[in-house]
């Protein structure tokens, strides 16, 4: 455990001062000044190659599934295929913006009114059209008519492929399914197509992801800095938002930070609870950062950075044992069932407080595969780890009456094993 600094906390400084009072802050924030944002080192050519690779993956899967076109409504899938982003959180629950990849044909973005200029210059975008929205929010009693007009346009584009009437769709409202089926379209499950496409990363994607993780770790350094007595949970969490937003990041998928008694049971989101000295502060970043990539990291430390109690230390070491054991298993060709058979076994006293997932994929968000912890594995899907997958290794350890320790690391499956992409230290470092 790092010794507590003599200087007062950030709350006693002006934000613009550059006082590196902790090795984590000095390592992970901008060395030119803590008040300055990190500067992206990503070259334009890297981004261009990543864009081309991602669209090629989509088109490969489109051919494998023998589909005439792929209709996308999920903003993460649209970002993956086209690198086009527009109000991702809002459009995730308002189906007003969509895209279509036609087999052997164009990639088309359908933007809502006034946003067409956002897609100019994107290499995968062959055409921009005005979206035909038909949600009740906008259409009221005209939903059925407008859904029909929308479906007519989609059917014409599917027919232009000259292939068949199989349309893969990642997500769609029921009225849209009905309208397309009425017009003779055979709807194919598109999530398998998109998840499998996204699962294998290119070297350029890994470079983009490393940068998002770098930004996330800078946010974590700020969180570490302000984890002092008297702070509310949500004040600590806000430091991650701050660093992500000013570095060009997108959003945080959750608000999973809790302290002290609120860590157990897990899944309390941050609140106005005032953190006390010695409380365990545990969190899961779930951060969609620069270039749309996800940094999904978890750490736990004590408020005030005081020495852990004996129980906190015992729980922490148990969680770290799970991380190290499961991480050492990962390699290409290992099936999910083989991983489960060799995976770390959670002690009985922790089973009722377990996290259900042992490892999962990550890219532009949490992705396929999802490998459950051994007590739950019989519900798991099949498959195997492959080179150039990015996998998160998870641990949540608690027992009756204790706090929870949450740890998680993000790794690249290499030809010979697994490489950790995050470097932010564990507490025993």
Protein backbone atom coordinates (compact mmCIF):
# COMPACT_ATOMS: atom_id res chain seq x y z
CA UNK A 1 0.00 0.00 0.00
CA UNK A 2 1.31 3.45 -0.88
CA UNK A 3 1.97 5.75 2.04
CA UNK A 4 -0.42 8.59 2.47
CA UNK A 5 0.91 11.92 1.17
CA UNK A 6 1.66 14.87 3.41
CA UNK A 7 0.04 17.39 1.08
CA UNK A 8 -3.71 18.07 1.38
CA UNK A 9 -6.10 16.42 -1.07
CA UNK A 10 -7.23 17.84 -4.40
CA UNK A 11 -10.23 19.41 -2.65
CA UNK A 12 -7.81 21.86 -1.01
CA UNK A 13 -6.14 22.85 -4.28
CA UNK A 14 -7.21 24.78 -7.31
CA UNK A 15 -7.81 22.38 -10.22
CA UNK A 16 -5.10 24.07 -12.30
CA UNK A 17 -2.24 23.39 -9.90
CA UNK A 18 0.15 20.62 -10.83
CA UNK A 19 0.99 18.90 -7.56
CA UNK A 20 2.10 15.32 -8.20
CA UNK A 21 1.77 13.98 -4.70
CA UNK A 22 1.36 10.31 -5.61
CA UNK A 23 3.28 8.03 -7.99
CA UNK A 24 0.03 6.91 -9.64
CA UNK A 25 -0.90 10.47 -10.48
CA UNK A 26 2.58 11.23 -11.77
CA UNK A 27 2.53 8.11 -13.94
CA UNK A 28 -0.95 8.28 -15.39
CA UNK A 29 -1.82 11.96 -15.79
CA UNK A 30 -0.24 14.36 -18.26
CA UNK A 31 3.41 14.84 -17.21
CA UNK A 32 3.25 18.36 -18.64
CA UNK A 33 0.69 19.26 -15.98
CA UNK A 34 -2.11 17.49 -14.13
CA UNK A 35 -4.64 20.07 -15.34
CA UNK A 36 -3.84 19.34 -19.01
CA UNK A 37 -5.68 16.64 -21.00
CA UNK A 38 -3.72 13.77 -22.49
CA UNK A 39 -2.82 14.19 -26.15
CA UNK A 40 -3.77 11.36 -28.46
CA UNK A 41 -0.77 9.82 -30.27
CA UNK A 42 -2.98 8.04 -32.83
CA UNK A 43 -1.96 8.70 -36.44
CA UNK A 44 -4.64 9.28 -39.08
CA UNK A 45 -3.37 6.24 -41.00
CA UNK A 46 -3.99 4.02 -37.96
CA UNK A 47 -7.61 5.11 -37.77
CA UNK A 48 -8.09 4.69 -41.53
CA UNK A 49 -6.75 1.12 -41.42
CA UNK A 50 -8.96 0.26 -38.44
CA UNK A 51 -12.01 1.61 -40.27
CA UNK A 52 -11.24 -0.41 -43.40
CA UNK A 53 -10.63 -3.58 -41.38
CA UNK A 54 -13.89 -3.25 -39.45
CA UNK A 55 -16.04 -2.81 -42.57
CA UNK A 56 -14.25 -5.76 -44.19
CA UNK A 57 -15.15 -7.91 -41.17
CA UNK A 58 -18.81 -6.90 -41.51
CA UNK A 59 -18.84 -7.74 -45.22
CA UNK A 60 -17.11 -11.08 -44.62
CA UNK A 61 -19.76 -12.08 -42.09
CA UNK A 62 -22.51 -10.85 -44.42
CA UNK A 63 -21.20 -13.24 -47.08
CA UNK A 64 -20.80 -16.12 -44.59
CA UNK A 65 -24.43 -15.79 -43.52
CA UNK A 66 -25.64 -15.50 -47.15
CA UNK A 67 -27.53 -12.27 -46.52
CA UNK A 68 -28.39 -9.56 -49.05
CA UNK A 69 -27.89 -6.78 -46.50
CA UNK A 70 -27.32 -5.93 -42.84
CA UNK A 71 -29.57 -3.40 -41.10
CA UNK A 72 -28.03 -1.74 -38.02
CA UNK A 73 -29.79 0.21 -35.29
CA UNK A 74 -27.38 -0.40 -32.40
CA UNK A 75 -25.19 2.76 -32.22
CA UNK A 76 -22.18 0.64 -31.22
CA UNK A 77 -22.54 -1.49 -34.37
CA UNK A 78 -22.97 1.63 -36.51
CA UNK A 79 -19.79 3.06 -34.98
CA UNK A 80 -17.94 -0.20 -35.61
CA UNK A 81 -18.97 -0.49 -39.27
CA UNK A 82 -18.88 3.16 -40.32
CA UNK A 83 -17.06 5.02 -37.52
CA UNK A 84 -20.12 7.24 -37.48
CA UNK A 85 -21.27 8.49 -34.09
CA UNK A 86 -24.23 10.73 -33.33
CA UNK A 87 -25.86 10.98 -29.89
CA UNK A 88 -25.15 7.34 -29.09
CA UNK A 89 -26.95 7.12 -25.75
CA UNK A 90 -30.07 8.87 -27.07
CA UNK A 91 -30.27 6.79 -30.24
CA UNK A 92 -29.74 3.59 -28.21
CA UNK A 93 -33.29 4.00 -26.87
CA UNK A 94 -34.84 6.06 -29.68
CA UNK A 95 -34.67 4.13 -32.97
CA UNK A 96 -34.42 7.19 -35.21
CA UNK A 97 -31.01 6.56 -36.80
CA UNK A 98 -29.89 3.46 -38.66
CA UNK A 99 -27.51 2.13 -41.32
CA UNK A 100 -27.52 -0.49 -44.05
CA UNK A 101 -24.64 -2.48 -45.54
CA UNK A 102 -25.70 -3.98 -48.87
CA UNK A 103 -23.87 -7.12 -50.07
CA UNK A 104 -21.81 -6.10 -53.08
CA UNK A 105 -23.33 -2.63 -52.78
CA UNK A 106 -23.16 0.60 -50.82
CA UNK A 107 -22.89 1.38 -47.14
CA UNK A 108 -25.69 3.82 -46.31
CA UNK A 109 -26.23 5.93 -43.20
CA UNK A 110 -29.79 7.11 -42.49
CA UNK A 111 -29.47 10.27 -40.38
CA UNK A 112 -32.20 12.20 -38.65
CA UNK A 113 -32.94 15.70 -39.90
CA UNK A 114 -30.12 18.23 -39.79
CA UNK A 115 -27.33 15.73 -39.04
CA UNK A 116 -26.36 14.62 -42.54
CA UNK A 117 -23.15 16.66 -42.44
CA UNK A 118 -21.80 14.51 -39.58
CA UNK A 119 -21.00 11.65 -41.98
CA UNK A 120 -19.20 13.65 -44.65
CA UNK A 121 -15.72 12.29 -45.33
CA UNK A 122 -16.11 8.93 -43.59
CA UNK A 123 -14.58 6.38 -45.98
CA UNK A 124 -17.10 3.58 -45.36
CA UNK A 125 -20.11 5.84 -45.98
CA UNK A 126 -21.11 5.66 -49.64
CA UNK A 127 -24.40 7.52 -49.22
CA UNK A 128 -26.26 9.53 -46.59
CA UNK A 129 -30.08 9.53 -46.62
CA UNK A 130 -32.71 11.15 -44.42
CA UNK A 131 -33.93 8.63 -41.86
CA UNK A 132 -37.59 7.61 -41.94
CA UNK A 133 -38.46 7.45 -38.26
CA UNK A 134 -41.72 5.82 -37.25
CA UNK A 135 -41.55 5.66 -33.46
CA UNK A 136 -44.70 6.63 -31.63
CA UNK A 137 -42.76 9.49 -30.05
CA UNK A 138 -42.72 11.21 -33.46
CA UNK A 139 -45.48 9.48 -35.40
CA UNK A 140 -48.37 9.05 -32.97
CA UNK A 141 -51.32 7.53 -34.79
CA UNK A 142 -49.31 7.46 -38.07
CA UNK A 143 -46.90 4.74 -36.86
CA UNK A 144 -48.18 2.00 -39.16
CA UNK A 145 -48.18 4.20 -42.27
CA UNK A 146 -44.69 5.55 -41.64
CA UNK A 147 -43.31 2.11 -40.80
CA UNK A 148 -44.64 0.97 -44.17
CA UNK A 149 -42.85 3.80 -45.98
CA UNK A 150 -39.65 2.93 -44.13
CA UNK A 151 -40.01 -0.76 -45.02
CA UNK A 152 -40.60 0.02 -48.72
CA UNK A 153 -37.25 1.80 -48.91
CA UNK A 154 -35.42 -1.02 -47.11
CA UNK A 155 -36.99 -3.65 -49.38
CA UNK A 156 -35.90 -1.77 -52.50
CA UNK A 157 -32.32 -1.65 -51.24
CA UNK A 158 -32.31 -5.36 -50.32
CA UNK A 159 -33.57 -6.14 -53.85
CA UNK A 160 -30.75 -4.06 -55.34
CA UNK A 161 -28.24 -6.63 -54.11
CA UNK A 162 -29.73 -9.13 -56.57
CA UNK A 163 -28.91 -11.89 -54.08
CA UNK A 164 -31.91 -13.01 -52.01
CA UNK A 165 -34.39 -11.53 -49.53
CA UNK A 166 -32.41 -12.42 -46.40
CA UNK A 167 -31.89 -9.30 -44.26
CA UNK A 168 -29.74 -9.51 -41.11
CA UNK A 169 -30.90 -7.11 -38.37
CA UNK A 170 -29.14 -6.37 -35.09
CA UNK A 171 -32.15 -4.87 -33.25
CA UNK A 172 -35.55 -3.63 -34.36
CA UNK A 173 -38.94 -2.59 -32.99
CA UNK A 174 -41.83 -5.08 -33.47
CA UNK A 175 -43.69 -2.87 -35.96
CA UNK A 176 -40.64 -2.89 -38.22
CA UNK A 177 -40.40 -6.69 -38.15
CA UNK A 178 -44.07 -6.97 -39.12
CA UNK A 179 -43.75 -4.43 -41.96
CA UNK A 180 -40.70 -6.15 -43.46
CA UNK A 181 -42.19 -9.63 -43.21
CA UNK A 182 -45.37 -8.43 -44.88
CA UNK A 183 -43.18 -7.45 -47.84
CA UNK A 184 -41.55 -10.85 -48.09
CA UNK A 185 -38.29 -10.13 -46.24
CA UNK A 186 -36.68 -13.03 -44.39
CA UNK A 187 -35.23 -11.53 -41.19
CA UNK A 188 -31.99 -13.13 -39.97
CA UNK A 189 -30.52 -12.74 -36.46
CA UNK A 190 -27.88 -10.06 -36.96
CA UNK A 191 -26.35 -10.05 -33.49
CA UNK A 192 -24.42 -13.25 -34.18
CA UNK A 193 -23.02 -11.62 -37.33
CA UNK A 194 -21.97 -8.39 -35.63
CA UNK A 195 -20.67 -9.94 -32.40
CA UNK A 196 -18.50 -12.44 -34.28
CA UNK A 197 -17.22 -9.71 -36.60
CA UNK A 198 -16.23 -7.50 -33.67
CA UNK A 199 -14.61 -10.32 -31.66
CA UNK A 200 -11.32 -10.45 -33.62
CA UNK A 201 -9.31 -7.23 -33.40
CA UNK A 202 -6.74 -5.85 -35.82
CA UNK A 203 -3.40 -4.43 -34.65
CA UNK A 204 -4.75 -0.93 -35.35
CA UNK A 205 -7.82 -1.58 -33.23
CA UNK A 206 -5.55 -2.69 -30.37
CA UNK A 207 -3.61 0.56 -30.70
CA UNK A 208 -6.86 2.53 -30.43
CA UNK A 209 -7.92 0.44 -27.45
CA UNK A 210 -4.59 0.97 -25.69
CA UNK A 211 -5.20 4.70 -25.92
CA UNK A 212 -8.68 4.43 -24.43
CA UNK A 213 -7.20 2.39 -21.57
CA UNK A 214 -4.53 5.07 -21.10
CA UNK A 215 -7.27 7.71 -20.75
CA UNK A 216 -9.23 5.49 -18.37
CA UNK A 217 -6.18 5.00 -16.17
CA UNK A 218 -5.72 8.77 -16.01
CA UNK A 219 -9.30 8.99 -14.78
CA UNK A 220 -8.60 6.26 -12.25
CA UNK A 221 -5.57 8.22 -11.01
CA UNK A 222 -7.88 11.18 -10.38
CA UNK A 223 -10.32 8.90 -8.56
CA UNK A 224 -7.47 7.57 -6.44
CA UNK A 225 -6.38 11.13 -5.64
CA UNK A 226 -9.78 12.21 -4.34
CA UNK A 227 -10.64 9.02 -2.42
CA UNK A 228 -10.39 10.92 0.84
CA UNK A 229 -12.77 11.02 3.84
CA UNK A 230 -15.72 13.37 3.33
CA UNK A 231 -16.13 12.78 -0.41
CA UNK A 232 -19.40 11.45 -1.78
CA UNK A 233 -19.23 8.37 -3.95
CA UNK A 234 -20.51 10.32 -6.94
CA UNK A 235 -17.79 12.96 -6.51
CA UNK A 236 -15.12 10.29 -6.83
CA UNK A 237 -16.89 8.77 -9.85
CA UNK A 238 -17.12 12.18 -11.55
CA UNK A 239 -13.34 12.27 -11.97
CA UNK A 240 -13.55 9.41 -14.49
CA UNK A 241 -16.26 11.26 -16.46
CA UNK A 242 -14.09 14.38 -16.46
CA UNK A 243 -11.00 12.69 -17.89
CA UNK A 244 -12.99 10.72 -20.47
CA UNK A 245 -15.01 13.71 -21.69
CA UNK A 246 -12.06 16.04 -22.13
CA UNK A 247 -10.12 13.34 -24.00
CA UNK A 248 -12.83 12.79 -26.61
CA UNK A 249 -14.51 9.81 -24.95
CA UNK A 250 -18.16 8.90 -25.33
CA UNK A 251 -19.94 7.75 -22.16
CA UNK A 252 -19.86 5.47 -19.11
CA UNK A 253 -22.18 2.50 -19.44
CA UNK A 254 -22.83 2.23 -15.68
CA UNK A 255 -22.22 4.10 -12.41
CA UNK A 256 -20.72 1.15 -10.54
CA UNK A 257 -18.79 2.73 -7.69
CA UNK A 258 -19.64 1.99 -4.08
CA UNK A 259 -17.86 2.36 -0.75
CA UNK A 260 -17.85 0.67 2.63
CA UNK A 261 -21.14 -1.06 3.52
CA UNK A 262 -22.62 -0.21 0.10
CA UNK A 263 -20.16 -2.51 -1.68
CA UNK A 264 -22.00 -5.64 -0.46
CA UNK A 265 -24.23 -6.69 -2.08
CA UNK A 266 -22.59 -5.53 -5.30
CA UNK A 267 -24.29 -3.46 -8.05
CA UNK A 268 -25.12 -0.41 -5.96
CA UNK A 269 -24.43 2.57 -8.22
CA UNK A 270 -22.70 5.67 -6.88
CA UNK A 271 -24.73 7.81 -4.51
CA UNK A 272 -24.44 10.69 -2.05
CA UNK A 273 -22.98 8.34 0.55
CA UNK A 274 -20.09 10.14 2.26
CA UNK A 275 -17.06 7.87 2.23
CA UNK A 276 -15.34 7.27 5.56
CA UNK A 277 -11.63 6.75 6.24
CA UNK A 278 -10.79 3.09 5.75
CA UNK A 279 -13.90 2.28 3.71
CA UNK A 280 -13.18 0.07 0.73
CA UNK A 281 -13.87 1.97 -2.51
CA UNK A 282 -14.70 -0.51 -5.30
CA UNK A 283 -15.65 0.29 -8.88
CA UNK A 284 -16.04 -0.95 -12.47
CA UNK A 285 -15.28 1.67 -15.15
CA UNK A 286 -17.38 0.38 -18.12
CA UNK A 287 -15.99 3.41 -20.01
CA UNK A 288 -16.68 3.98 -23.71
CA UNK A 289 -13.73 6.19 -24.48
CA UNK A 290 -11.93 7.87 -27.39
CA UNK A 291 -12.52 6.36 -30.85
CA UNK A 292 -15.49 4.47 -29.39
CA UNK A 293 -13.46 1.75 -27.63
CA UNK A 294 -14.20 0.38 -24.19
CA UNK A 295 -11.95 0.33 -21.12
CA UNK A 296 -13.58 -2.07 -18.69
CA UNK A 297 -11.39 -2.09 -15.57
CA UNK A 298 -12.09 -2.63 -11.88
CA UNK A 299 -10.07 -1.77 -8.80
CA UNK A 300 -10.62 -1.54 -5.06
CA UNK A 301 -8.70 0.55 -2.52
CA UNK A 302 -9.23 2.08 0.91
CA UNK A 303 -10.51 5.60 1.44
CA UNK A 304 -7.60 7.70 2.63
CA UNK A 305 -5.23 4.98 1.34
CA UNK A 306 -4.75 3.67 4.85
CA UNK A 307 -3.56 0.13 5.49
CA UNK A 308 -6.26 -2.49 4.84
CA UNK A 309 -7.78 -4.32 7.78
CA UNK A 310 -6.99 -8.02 8.06
CA UNK A 311 -10.38 -8.93 6.52
CA UNK A 312 -10.02 -6.45 3.65
CA UNK A 313 -6.55 -7.82 2.91
CA UNK A 314 -7.79 -11.42 2.99
CA UNK A 315 -10.63 -10.63 0.55
CA UNK A 316 -8.31 -8.65 -1.70
CA UNK A 317 -5.74 -11.44 -1.92
CA UNK A 318 -8.49 -13.94 -2.72
CA UNK A 319 -9.76 -11.74 -5.56
CA UNK A 320 -6.25 -11.29 -6.90
CA UNK A 321 -5.68 -15.05 -6.78
CA UNK A 322 -8.75 -15.55 -8.99
CA UNK A 323 -7.51 -12.93 -11.49
CA UNK A 324 -4.01 -14.38 -11.73
CA UNK A 325 -5.18 -18.00 -11.97
CA UNK A 326 -7.74 -17.42 -14.75
CA UNK A 327 -5.48 -15.02 -16.64
CA UNK A 328 -2.75 -17.67 -16.80
CA UNK A 329 -5.13 -20.11 -18.53
CA UNK A 330 -5.97 -17.93 -21.53
CA UNK A 331 -4.56 -18.94 -24.91
CA UNK A 332 -5.80 -19.49 -28.47
CA UNK A 333 -7.65 -22.75 -29.05
CA UNK A 334 -8.74 -23.18 -25.42
CA UNK A 335 -12.47 -23.96 -25.46
CA UNK A 336 -14.76 -22.23 -23.01
CA UNK A 337 -15.56 -25.63 -21.47
CA UNK A 338 -11.86 -26.42 -21.02
CA UNK A 339 -11.35 -23.00 -19.43
CA UNK A 340 -14.21 -23.68 -17.03
CA UNK A 341 -12.80 -27.07 -16.03
CA UNK A 342 -9.42 -25.52 -15.15
CA UNK A 343 -10.68 -22.21 -13.79
CA UNK A 344 -10.25 -20.95 -10.23
CA UNK A 345 -12.82 -22.38 -7.80
CA UNK A 346 -14.56 -19.86 -5.57
CA UNK A 347 -14.57 -20.87 -1.88
CA UNK A 348 -17.96 -21.81 -0.44
CA UNK A 349 -18.16 -18.79 1.85
CA UNK A 350 -18.00 -16.46 -1.18
CA UNK A 351 -20.38 -18.34 -3.53
CA UNK A 352 -23.59 -16.51 -2.56
CA UNK A 353 -21.87 -13.17 -3.21
CA UNK A 354 -20.21 -14.16 -6.51
CA UNK A 355 -20.03 -12.26 -9.76
CA UNK A 356 -21.66 -14.51 -12.40
CA UNK A 357 -19.05 -13.92 -15.14
CA UNK A 358 -15.48 -15.24 -15.10
CA UNK A 359 -14.32 -13.64 -18.36
CA UNK A 360 -15.94 -11.79 -21.27
CA UNK A 361 -15.05 -10.14 -24.55
CA UNK A 362 -14.63 -6.40 -24.92
CA UNK A 363 -14.17 -4.05 -27.87
CA UNK A 364 -16.42 -1.06 -28.46
CA UNK A 365 -18.44 -2.33 -25.48
CA UNK A 366 -18.75 -5.57 -23.57
CA UNK A 367 -18.94 -8.21 -26.30
CA UNK A 368 -19.17 -11.90 -27.08
CA UNK A 369 -17.98 -14.23 -25.63
CA UNK A 370 -19.43 -14.29 -22.12
CA UNK A 371 -18.00 -17.15 -20.05
CA UNK A 372 -19.82 -17.72 -16.77
CA UNK A 373 -18.26 -18.58 -13.43
CA UNK A 374 -18.06 -22.33 -12.76
CA UNK A 375 -21.22 -22.65 -10.58
CA UNK A 376 -23.26 -21.20 -13.45
CA UNK A 377 -21.35 -22.60 -16.43
CA UNK A 378 -23.93 -25.16 -17.59
CA UNK A 379 -25.94 -22.24 -18.99
CA UNK A 380 -22.95 -21.12 -21.08
CA UNK A 381 -22.66 -21.03 -24.87
CA UNK A 382 -19.95 -22.89 -26.79
CA UNK A 383 -16.84 -21.60 -28.48
CA UNK A 384 -13.14 -21.09 -27.92
CA UNK A 385 -10.64 -18.30 -27.36
CA UNK A 386 -8.95 -17.04 -30.51
CA UNK A 387 -5.86 -14.99 -31.20
CA UNK A 388 -6.58 -11.23 -31.25
CA UNK A 389 -9.64 -11.45 -29.05
CA UNK A 390 -9.65 -8.95 -26.18
CA UNK A 391 -10.92 -10.49 -22.94
CA UNK A 392 -11.73 -9.09 -19.51
CA UNK A 393 -10.87 -11.24 -16.49
CA UNK A 394 -13.20 -10.53 -13.53
CA UNK A 395 -13.35 -11.08 -9.80
CA UNK A 396 -15.81 -10.08 -7.10
CA UNK A 397 -15.11 -11.41 -3.61
CA UNK A 398 -17.24 -10.87 -0.51
CA UNK A 399 -18.75 -12.85 2.34
CA UNK A 400 -21.49 -12.42 4.90
CA UNK A 401 -21.05 -9.05 6.63
CA UNK A 402 -17.96 -7.99 4.67
CA UNK A 403 -17.24 -5.38 2.04
CA UNK A 404 -16.80 -6.43 -1.62
CA UNK A 405 -13.53 -6.41 -3.54
CA UNK A 406 -13.98 -5.86 -7.30
CA UNK A 407 -10.99 -6.43 -9.62
CA UNK A 408 -10.86 -6.67 -13.42
CA UNK A 409 -8.15 -6.56 -16.06
CA UNK A 410 -8.29 -6.28 -19.87
CA UNK A 411 -6.09 -8.62 -21.92
CA UNK A 412 -5.20 -9.43 -25.52
CA UNK A 413 -5.12 -13.08 -26.57
CA UNK A 414 -1.78 -13.54 -28.32
CA UNK A 415 -0.28 -16.48 -30.22
CA UNK A 416 1.23 -17.82 -27.01
CA UNK A 417 -1.10 -16.69 -24.21
CA UNK A 418 -2.44 -13.36 -22.98
CA UNK A 419 -1.00 -9.86 -22.59
CA UNK A 420 -2.44 -7.42 -20.06
CA UNK A 421 -3.36 -4.11 -21.72
CA UNK A 422 -3.94 -2.14 -18.49
CA UNK A 423 -1.07 -1.33 -16.13
CA UNK A 424 -2.74 0.51 -13.24
CA UNK A 425 -1.33 -1.22 -10.16
CA UNK A 426 -3.07 -3.58 -7.82
CA UNK A 427 -2.89 -2.51 -4.19
CA UNK A 428 -0.22 -5.10 -3.37
CA UNK A 429 2.04 -3.54 -6.03
